[in-house]
Amino acid sequence: MTSTTVRGFRRWAKPIATYLLLATMLAIGSLHFIKPASFVAIIPEILPFKLALVYISGVFEILLGLGLFAERTRRLAAWGLVLLFIAVFPANINMAIHDIPVEGRHVHPALLWGRLPFQLVFIAWAVWIARRTPASATSQPSDASS
């Protein structure tokens, strides 16, 4: 790949990835209020105030997702999502360990365990958005060389 091709890819891929994560966070955050029981069920027993934790995490998912919209808040929101993805990971582990049904339906254990690595994908996705794009990756090639 040439450097021009890489610049072109970065120019369109990162904004698309950003808005896709924004939409994903709005959808998942909203589900915390639409179907909270599904989220309450996966919170580890040791944690109190499960419903409050579901609502709080839903609020943060929505707010941090919205934070991705504005250039000025994007990096901070993306780093916030990294922390949120790490914070909710124990609930995903709990779901796999205890074979917790999803909305009353049994899910094959391989799927519950198989989805855990996707949390790393979400973390990497948010880190990529949070990282500054070097000016050379987004700037136009100079006319001085022609």
N, C-alpha and C. Protein backbone atom coordinates (compact mmCIF):
# COMPACT_ATOMS: atom_id res chain seq x y z
N MET A 1 0.83 -1.18 0.00
CA MET A 1 0.00 0.00 0.00
C MET A 1 0.87 1.24 0.00
N THR A 2 0.49 2.19 -0.79
CA THR A 2 1.24 3.44 -0.82
C THR A 2 0.80 4.33 0.32
N SER A 3 1.61 5.35 0.62
CA SER A 3 1.25 6.27 1.70
C SER A 3 -0.02 7.04 1.37
N THR A 4 -0.25 7.29 0.09
CA THR A 4 -1.48 7.98 -0.31
C THR A 4 -2.69 7.10 -0.04
N THR A 5 -2.56 5.80 -0.30
CA THR A 5 -3.65 4.86 -0.03
C THR A 5 -3.93 4.79 1.47
N VAL A 6 -2.88 4.74 2.28
CA VAL A 6 -3.05 4.70 3.74
C VAL A 6 -3.75 5.97 4.21
N ARG A 7 -3.32 7.14 3.71
CA ARG A 7 -3.97 8.40 4.09
C ARG A 7 -5.44 8.38 3.70
N GLY A 8 -5.72 7.88 2.51
CA GLY A 8 -7.11 7.82 2.05
C GLY A 8 -7.95 6.91 2.93
N PHE A 9 -7.39 5.76 3.31
CA PHE A 9 -8.10 4.84 4.20
C PHE A 9 -8.39 5.49 5.53
N ARG A 10 -7.39 6.13 6.11
CA ARG A 10 -7.57 6.77 7.42
C ARG A 10 -8.60 7.89 7.35
N ARG A 11 -8.63 8.57 6.21
CA ARG A 11 -9.53 9.71 6.06
C ARG A 11 -10.99 9.28 6.19
N TRP A 12 -11.35 8.10 5.66
CA TRP A 12 -12.75 7.70 5.73
C TRP A 12 -13.01 6.62 6.77
N ALA A 13 -12.04 5.78 7.09
CA ALA A 13 -12.29 4.65 7.99
C ALA A 13 -12.51 5.09 9.44
N LYS A 14 -11.68 6.01 9.90
CA LYS A 14 -11.79 6.41 11.31
C LYS A 14 -13.12 7.12 11.59
N PRO A 15 -13.57 8.06 10.75
CA PRO A 15 -14.89 8.67 11.01
C PRO A 15 -16.02 7.65 10.98
N ILE A 16 -15.96 6.72 10.05
CA ILE A 16 -17.01 5.69 9.99
C ILE A 16 -16.98 4.84 11.25
N ALA A 17 -15.79 4.42 11.67
CA ALA A 17 -15.66 3.61 12.89
C ALA A 17 -16.15 4.38 14.11
N THR A 18 -15.88 5.68 14.14
CA THR A 18 -16.29 6.51 15.27
C THR A 18 -17.81 6.58 15.36
N TYR A 19 -18.46 6.86 14.23
CA TYR A 19 -19.92 6.99 14.26
C TYR A 19 -20.60 5.64 14.43
N LEU A 20 -19.97 4.57 13.99
CA LEU A 20 -20.50 3.23 14.23
C LEU A 20 -20.44 2.89 15.72
N LEU A 21 -19.33 3.24 16.38
CA LEU A 21 -19.24 3.01 17.82
C LEU A 21 -20.24 3.89 18.56
N LEU A 22 -20.40 5.13 18.12
CA LEU A 22 -21.38 6.03 18.72
C LEU A 22 -22.78 5.39 18.66
N ALA A 23 -23.18 4.92 17.48
CA ALA A 23 -24.50 4.30 17.32
C ALA A 23 -24.64 3.04 18.18
N THR A 24 -23.56 2.25 18.23
CA THR A 24 -23.57 1.03 19.04
C THR A 24 -23.78 1.36 20.51
N MET A 25 -23.07 2.38 21.00
CA MET A 25 -23.18 2.74 22.41
C MET A 25 -24.56 3.32 22.73
N LEU A 26 -25.14 4.09 21.81
CA LEU A 26 -26.48 4.60 22.05
C LEU A 26 -27.49 3.46 22.12
N ALA A 27 -27.34 2.48 21.22
CA ALA A 27 -28.26 1.35 21.21
C ALA A 27 -28.12 0.50 22.48
N ILE A 28 -26.90 0.14 22.82
CA ILE A 28 -26.67 -0.70 24.00
C ILE A 28 -27.04 0.06 25.27
N GLY A 29 -26.65 1.33 25.35
CA GLY A 29 -27.01 2.13 26.52
C GLY A 29 -28.52 2.23 26.70
N SER A 30 -29.24 2.40 25.60
CA SER A 30 -30.71 2.48 25.66
C SER A 30 -31.32 1.17 26.16
N LEU A 31 -30.71 0.06 25.76
CA LEU A 31 -31.23 -1.25 26.21
C LEU A 31 -31.16 -1.40 27.72
N HIS A 32 -30.24 -0.69 28.37
CA HIS A 32 -30.15 -0.74 29.82
C HIS A 32 -31.44 -0.22 30.47
N PHE A 33 -32.15 0.65 29.77
CA PHE A 33 -33.40 1.22 30.29
C PHE A 33 -34.63 0.48 29.75
N ILE A 34 -34.50 -0.08 28.56
CA ILE A 34 -35.62 -0.80 27.94
C ILE A 34 -35.77 -2.20 28.52
N LYS A 35 -34.63 -2.90 28.71
CA LYS A 35 -34.64 -4.27 29.23
C LYS A 35 -33.59 -4.42 30.34
N PRO A 36 -33.77 -3.72 31.44
CA PRO A 36 -32.74 -3.74 32.49
C PRO A 36 -32.55 -5.12 33.13
N ALA A 37 -33.58 -5.94 33.15
CA ALA A 37 -33.47 -7.25 33.80
C ALA A 37 -32.36 -8.10 33.18
N SER A 38 -32.18 -7.98 31.88
CA SER A 38 -31.12 -8.75 31.20
C SER A 38 -29.75 -8.37 31.73
N PHE A 39 -29.56 -7.10 32.05
CA PHE A 39 -28.28 -6.63 32.54
C PHE A 39 -28.13 -6.90 34.04
N VAL A 40 -29.21 -6.76 34.78
CA VAL A 40 -29.18 -7.04 36.23
C VAL A 40 -28.75 -8.49 36.45
N ALA A 41 -29.25 -9.39 35.60
CA ALA A 41 -28.97 -10.82 35.77
C ALA A 41 -27.50 -11.17 35.67
N ILE A 42 -26.71 -10.40 34.94
CA ILE A 42 -25.32 -10.77 34.73
C ILE A 42 -24.34 -10.10 35.70
N ILE A 43 -24.84 -9.19 36.52
CA ILE A 43 -23.96 -8.51 37.49
C ILE A 43 -23.57 -9.51 38.58
N PRO A 44 -22.29 -9.59 38.90
CA PRO A 44 -21.84 -10.53 39.93
C PRO A 44 -22.58 -10.32 41.26
N GLU A 45 -22.86 -11.40 41.94
CA GLU A 45 -23.62 -11.38 43.20
C GLU A 45 -23.02 -10.46 44.25
N ILE A 46 -21.72 -10.33 44.26
CA ILE A 46 -21.05 -9.55 45.30
C ILE A 46 -21.41 -8.06 45.23
N LEU A 47 -21.84 -7.60 44.08
CA LEU A 47 -22.13 -6.17 43.92
C LEU A 47 -23.56 -5.83 44.35
N PRO A 48 -23.71 -4.79 45.16
CA PRO A 48 -25.05 -4.37 45.59
C PRO A 48 -25.68 -3.43 44.55
N PHE A 49 -26.94 -3.11 44.76
CA PHE A 49 -27.65 -2.10 43.96
C PHE A 49 -27.54 -2.38 42.46
N LYS A 50 -27.86 -3.61 42.10
CA LYS A 50 -27.69 -4.06 40.71
C LYS A 50 -28.45 -3.19 39.71
N LEU A 51 -29.71 -2.88 40.00
CA LEU A 51 -30.49 -2.09 39.06
C LEU A 51 -29.89 -0.69 38.90
N ALA A 52 -29.44 -0.11 40.00
CA ALA A 52 -28.79 1.21 39.92
C ALA A 52 -27.53 1.13 39.07
N LEU A 53 -26.75 0.06 39.23
CA LEU A 53 -25.53 -0.10 38.43
C LEU A 53 -25.86 -0.21 36.94
N VAL A 54 -26.95 -0.90 36.63
CA VAL A 54 -27.38 -1.03 35.24
C VAL A 54 -27.73 0.34 34.68
N TYR A 55 -28.50 1.10 35.42
CA TYR A 55 -28.88 2.44 34.95
C TYR A 55 -27.66 3.36 34.83
N ILE A 56 -26.78 3.30 35.80
CA ILE A 56 -25.57 4.15 35.76
C ILE A 56 -24.71 3.80 34.55
N SER A 57 -24.50 2.50 34.33
CA SER A 57 -23.68 2.11 33.18
C SER A 57 -24.38 2.48 31.87
N GLY A 58 -25.70 2.39 31.84
CA GLY A 58 -26.44 2.80 30.65
C GLY A 58 -26.29 4.29 30.37
N VAL A 59 -26.36 5.10 31.42
CA VAL A 59 -26.17 6.55 31.27
C VAL A 59 -24.78 6.83 30.72
N PHE A 60 -23.76 6.17 31.28
CA PHE A 60 -22.39 6.41 30.81
C PHE A 60 -22.20 5.94 29.37
N GLU A 61 -22.82 4.82 29.01
CA GLU A 61 -22.70 4.35 27.63
C GLU A 61 -23.30 5.38 26.67
N ILE A 62 -24.44 5.92 27.03
CA ILE A 62 -25.09 6.92 26.18
C ILE A 62 -24.28 8.21 26.14
N LEU A 63 -23.88 8.72 27.30
CA LEU A 63 -23.13 9.98 27.34
C LEU A 63 -21.77 9.87 26.65
N LEU A 64 -21.06 8.79 26.90
CA LEU A 64 -19.76 8.63 26.25
C LEU A 64 -19.93 8.40 24.75
N GLY A 65 -20.98 7.68 24.37
CA GLY A 65 -21.27 7.52 22.95
C GLY A 65 -21.52 8.87 22.29
N LEU A 66 -22.34 9.71 22.94
CA LEU A 66 -22.60 11.05 22.40
C LEU A 66 -21.33 11.89 22.38
N GLY A 67 -20.45 11.66 23.34
CA GLY A 67 -19.18 12.38 23.38
C GLY A 67 -18.31 12.12 22.16
N LEU A 68 -18.54 11.00 21.49
CA LEU A 68 -17.77 10.68 20.29
C LEU A 68 -18.15 11.59 19.11
N PHE A 69 -19.32 12.21 19.20
CA PHE A 69 -19.82 13.02 18.09
C PHE A 69 -18.97 14.26 17.84
N ALA A 70 -18.62 14.96 18.88
CA ALA A 70 -17.89 16.22 18.74
C ALA A 70 -16.39 15.98 18.76
N GLU A 71 -15.70 16.58 17.85
CA GLU A 71 -14.24 16.46 17.78
C GLU A 71 -13.59 16.85 19.11
N ARG A 72 -14.13 17.87 19.74
CA ARG A 72 -13.57 18.42 20.98
C ARG A 72 -13.64 17.43 22.14
N THR A 73 -14.65 16.55 22.17
CA THR A 73 -14.82 15.61 23.29
C THR A 73 -14.51 14.16 22.91
N ARG A 74 -14.19 13.93 21.65
CA ARG A 74 -14.04 12.56 21.14
C ARG A 74 -12.97 11.75 21.86
N ARG A 75 -11.79 12.32 22.03
CA ARG A 75 -10.70 11.55 22.67
C ARG A 75 -11.05 11.19 24.11
N LEU A 76 -11.56 12.15 24.86
CA LEU A 76 -11.93 11.89 26.25
C LEU A 76 -13.04 10.84 26.33
N ALA A 77 -14.04 10.96 25.46
CA ALA A 77 -15.14 9.99 25.45
C ALA A 77 -14.63 8.59 25.10
N ALA A 78 -13.74 8.50 24.13
CA ALA A 78 -13.21 7.19 23.73
C ALA A 78 -12.41 6.56 24.87
N TRP A 79 -11.58 7.37 25.57
CA TRP A 79 -10.85 6.82 26.72
C TRP A 79 -11.82 6.44 27.84
N GLY A 80 -12.89 7.20 28.00
CA GLY A 80 -13.93 6.83 28.97
C GLY A 80 -14.57 5.50 28.62
N LEU A 81 -14.79 5.26 27.33
CA LEU A 81 -15.36 3.98 26.91
C LEU A 81 -14.39 2.83 27.18
N VAL A 82 -13.11 3.07 27.00
CA VAL A 82 -12.13 2.02 27.33
C VAL A 82 -12.29 1.62 28.80
N LEU A 83 -12.36 2.61 29.67
CA LEU A 83 -12.54 2.33 31.10
C LEU A 83 -13.87 1.63 31.37
N LEU A 84 -14.91 2.06 30.69
CA LEU A 84 -16.23 1.43 30.88
C LEU A 84 -16.20 -0.02 30.41
N PHE A 85 -15.58 -0.29 29.27
CA PHE A 85 -15.51 -1.67 28.78
C PHE A 85 -14.75 -2.56 29.75
N ILE A 86 -13.73 -2.02 30.37
CA ILE A 86 -12.98 -2.77 31.38
C ILE A 86 -13.85 -2.99 32.63
N ALA A 87 -14.59 -1.96 33.02
CA ALA A 87 -15.42 -2.04 34.23
C ALA A 87 -16.54 -3.06 34.10
N VAL A 88 -17.11 -3.20 32.92
CA VAL A 88 -18.24 -4.13 32.77
C VAL A 88 -17.80 -5.55 32.40
N PHE A 89 -16.52 -5.73 32.14
CA PHE A 89 -16.03 -7.04 31.76
C PHE A 89 -16.33 -8.12 32.80
N PRO A 90 -16.22 -7.85 34.11
CA PRO A 90 -16.58 -8.89 35.09
C PRO A 90 -18.02 -9.40 34.94
N ALA A 91 -18.94 -8.56 34.51
CA ALA A 91 -20.31 -9.02 34.29
C ALA A 91 -20.36 -10.02 33.14
N ASN A 92 -19.58 -9.78 32.10
CA ASN A 92 -19.54 -10.72 30.98
C ASN A 92 -18.91 -12.05 31.39
N ILE A 93 -17.87 -11.97 32.22
CA ILE A 93 -17.24 -13.20 32.74
C ILE A 93 -18.24 -13.94 33.62
N ASN A 94 -18.93 -13.21 34.48
CA ASN A 94 -19.94 -13.81 35.36
C ASN A 94 -21.00 -14.54 34.54
N MET A 95 -21.42 -13.93 33.46
CA MET A 95 -22.44 -14.53 32.60
C MET A 95 -21.95 -15.87 32.04
N ALA A 96 -20.67 -15.91 31.62
CA ALA A 96 -20.12 -17.14 31.07
C ALA A 96 -19.91 -18.20 32.14
N ILE A 97 -19.38 -17.81 33.28
CA ILE A 97 -19.10 -18.77 34.36
C ILE A 97 -20.39 -19.43 34.86
N HIS A 98 -21.43 -18.63 35.01
CA HIS A 98 -22.68 -19.14 35.60
C HIS A 98 -23.75 -19.49 34.57
N ASP A 99 -23.36 -19.47 33.29
CA ASP A 99 -24.27 -19.89 32.22
C ASP A 99 -25.62 -19.17 32.35
N ILE A 100 -25.57 -17.86 32.46
CA ILE A 100 -26.77 -17.05 32.68
C ILE A 100 -27.53 -16.90 31.37
N PRO A 101 -28.84 -17.23 31.38
CA PRO A 101 -29.64 -17.11 30.16
C PRO A 101 -29.78 -15.66 29.72
N VAL A 102 -29.98 -15.46 28.43
CA VAL A 102 -30.22 -14.14 27.87
C VAL A 102 -31.72 -14.02 27.62
N GLU A 103 -32.35 -13.10 28.33
CA GLU A 103 -33.80 -12.89 28.23
C GLU A 103 -34.56 -14.21 28.39
N GLY A 104 -34.12 -15.01 29.35
CA GLY A 104 -34.80 -16.26 29.65
C GLY A 104 -34.46 -17.41 28.71
N ARG A 105 -33.65 -17.16 27.72
CA ARG A 105 -33.27 -18.22 26.76
C ARG A 105 -31.85 -18.68 27.01
N HIS A 106 -31.68 -20.00 27.02
CA HIS A 106 -30.36 -20.57 27.22
C HIS A 106 -29.48 -20.27 26.00
N VAL A 107 -28.25 -19.89 26.29
CA VAL A 107 -27.26 -19.65 25.25
C VAL A 107 -26.16 -20.68 25.43
N HIS A 108 -25.73 -21.28 24.34
CA HIS A 108 -24.69 -22.30 24.43
C HIS A 108 -23.45 -21.69 25.11
N PRO A 109 -22.86 -22.43 26.06
CA PRO A 109 -21.68 -21.91 26.78
C PRO A 109 -20.55 -21.46 25.86
N ALA A 110 -20.38 -22.13 24.72
CA ALA A 110 -19.32 -21.73 23.79
C ALA A 110 -19.54 -20.30 23.30
N LEU A 111 -20.78 -19.90 23.13
CA LEU A 111 -21.07 -18.53 22.70
C LEU A 111 -20.80 -17.54 23.83
N LEU A 112 -21.16 -17.93 25.06
CA LEU A 112 -20.91 -17.04 26.20
C LEU A 112 -19.42 -16.81 26.39
N TRP A 113 -18.63 -17.87 26.28
CA TRP A 113 -17.19 -17.74 26.43
C TRP A 113 -16.57 -17.10 25.19
N GLY A 114 -17.12 -17.42 24.03
CA GLY A 114 -16.59 -16.88 22.78
C GLY A 114 -16.78 -15.39 22.63
N ARG A 115 -17.76 -14.83 23.32
CA ARG A 115 -17.98 -13.38 23.20
C ARG A 115 -17.03 -12.57 24.06
N LEU A 116 -16.36 -13.20 25.02
CA LEU A 116 -15.44 -12.47 25.89
C LEU A 116 -14.31 -11.76 25.12
N PRO A 117 -13.68 -12.43 24.14
CA PRO A 117 -12.62 -11.72 23.40
C PRO A 117 -13.14 -10.48 22.65
N PHE A 118 -14.42 -10.43 22.36
CA PHE A 118 -14.95 -9.27 21.67
C PHE A 118 -14.88 -8.01 22.53
N GLN A 119 -14.78 -8.19 23.83
CA GLN A 119 -14.60 -7.02 24.70
C GLN A 119 -13.25 -6.37 24.38
N LEU A 120 -12.26 -7.19 24.05
CA LEU A 120 -10.96 -6.66 23.65
C LEU A 120 -11.07 -5.91 22.32
N VAL A 121 -11.93 -6.39 21.44
CA VAL A 121 -12.16 -5.69 20.17
C VAL A 121 -12.77 -4.32 20.44
N PHE A 122 -13.74 -4.25 21.34
CA PHE A 122 -14.35 -2.95 21.69
C PHE A 122 -13.31 -2.02 22.32
N ILE A 123 -12.45 -2.57 23.17
CA ILE A 123 -11.41 -1.75 23.79
C ILE A 123 -10.46 -1.22 22.72
N ALA A 124 -10.00 -2.10 21.83
CA ALA A 124 -9.09 -1.68 20.76
C ALA A 124 -9.76 -0.64 19.85
N TRP A 125 -11.03 -0.82 19.57
CA TRP A 125 -11.79 0.10 18.74
C TRP A 125 -11.79 1.50 19.38
N ALA A 126 -12.08 1.56 20.66
CA ALA A 126 -12.12 2.85 21.36
C ALA A 126 -10.72 3.46 21.46
N VAL A 127 -9.69 2.65 21.69
CA VAL A 127 -8.32 3.17 21.75
C VAL A 127 -7.94 3.78 20.41
N TRP A 128 -8.29 3.10 19.31
CA TRP A 128 -7.97 3.62 17.98
C TRP A 128 -8.63 4.99 17.76
N ILE A 129 -9.87 5.12 18.20
CA ILE A 129 -10.57 6.39 18.06
C ILE A 129 -9.91 7.45 18.96
N ALA A 130 -9.48 7.05 20.14
CA ALA A 130 -8.89 7.99 21.09
C ALA A 130 -7.52 8.51 20.64
N ARG A 131 -6.82 7.69 19.90
CA ARG A 131 -5.47 8.09 19.47
C ARG A 131 -5.55 9.20 18.45
N ARG A 132 -4.66 10.15 18.59
CA ARG A 132 -4.61 11.25 17.61
C ARG A 132 -4.09 10.71 16.29
N THR A 133 -4.68 11.19 15.23
CA THR A 133 -4.20 10.84 13.91
C THR A 133 -3.07 11.81 13.56
N PRO A 134 -1.90 11.29 13.21
CA PRO A 134 -0.81 12.19 12.85
C PRO A 134 -1.23 13.14 11.73
N ALA A 135 -0.77 14.35 11.78
CA ALA A 135 -1.14 15.34 10.78
C ALA A 135 -0.79 14.86 9.39
N SER A 136 0.30 14.12 9.24
CA SER A 136 0.69 13.64 7.92
C SER A 136 -0.28 12.61 7.37
N ALA A 137 -1.05 11.96 8.26
CA ALA A 137 -1.98 10.94 7.80
C ALA A 137 -3.26 11.55 7.25
N THR A 138 -3.56 12.78 7.63
CA THR A 138 -4.80 13.38 7.18
C THR A 138 -4.60 14.55 6.24
N SER A 139 -3.37 15.05 6.16
CA SER A 139 -3.14 16.21 5.31
C SER A 139 -3.00 15.80 3.85
N GLN A 140 -3.24 16.73 3.00
CA GLN A 140 -3.12 16.50 1.56
C GLN A 140 -1.63 16.48 1.20
N PRO A 141 -1.25 15.71 0.19
CA PRO A 141 0.13 15.75 -0.25
C PRO A 141 0.48 17.16 -0.71
N SER A 142 1.70 17.58 -0.46
CA SER A 142 2.06 18.95 -0.82
C SER A 142 2.30 19.08 -2.32
N ASP A 143 2.02 20.27 -2.84
CA ASP A 143 2.24 20.52 -4.25
C ASP A 143 3.69 20.86 -4.54
N ALA A 144 4.48 21.06 -3.49
CA ALA A 144 5.88 21.45 -3.66
C ALA A 144 6.69 20.37 -4.37
N SER A 145 6.25 19.12 -4.24
CA SER A 145 7.01 18.03 -4.84
C SER A 145 6.73 17.87 -6.33
N SER A 146 5.74 18.56 -6.86
CA SER A 146 5.41 18.38 -8.27
C SER A 146 6.06 19.38 -9.16
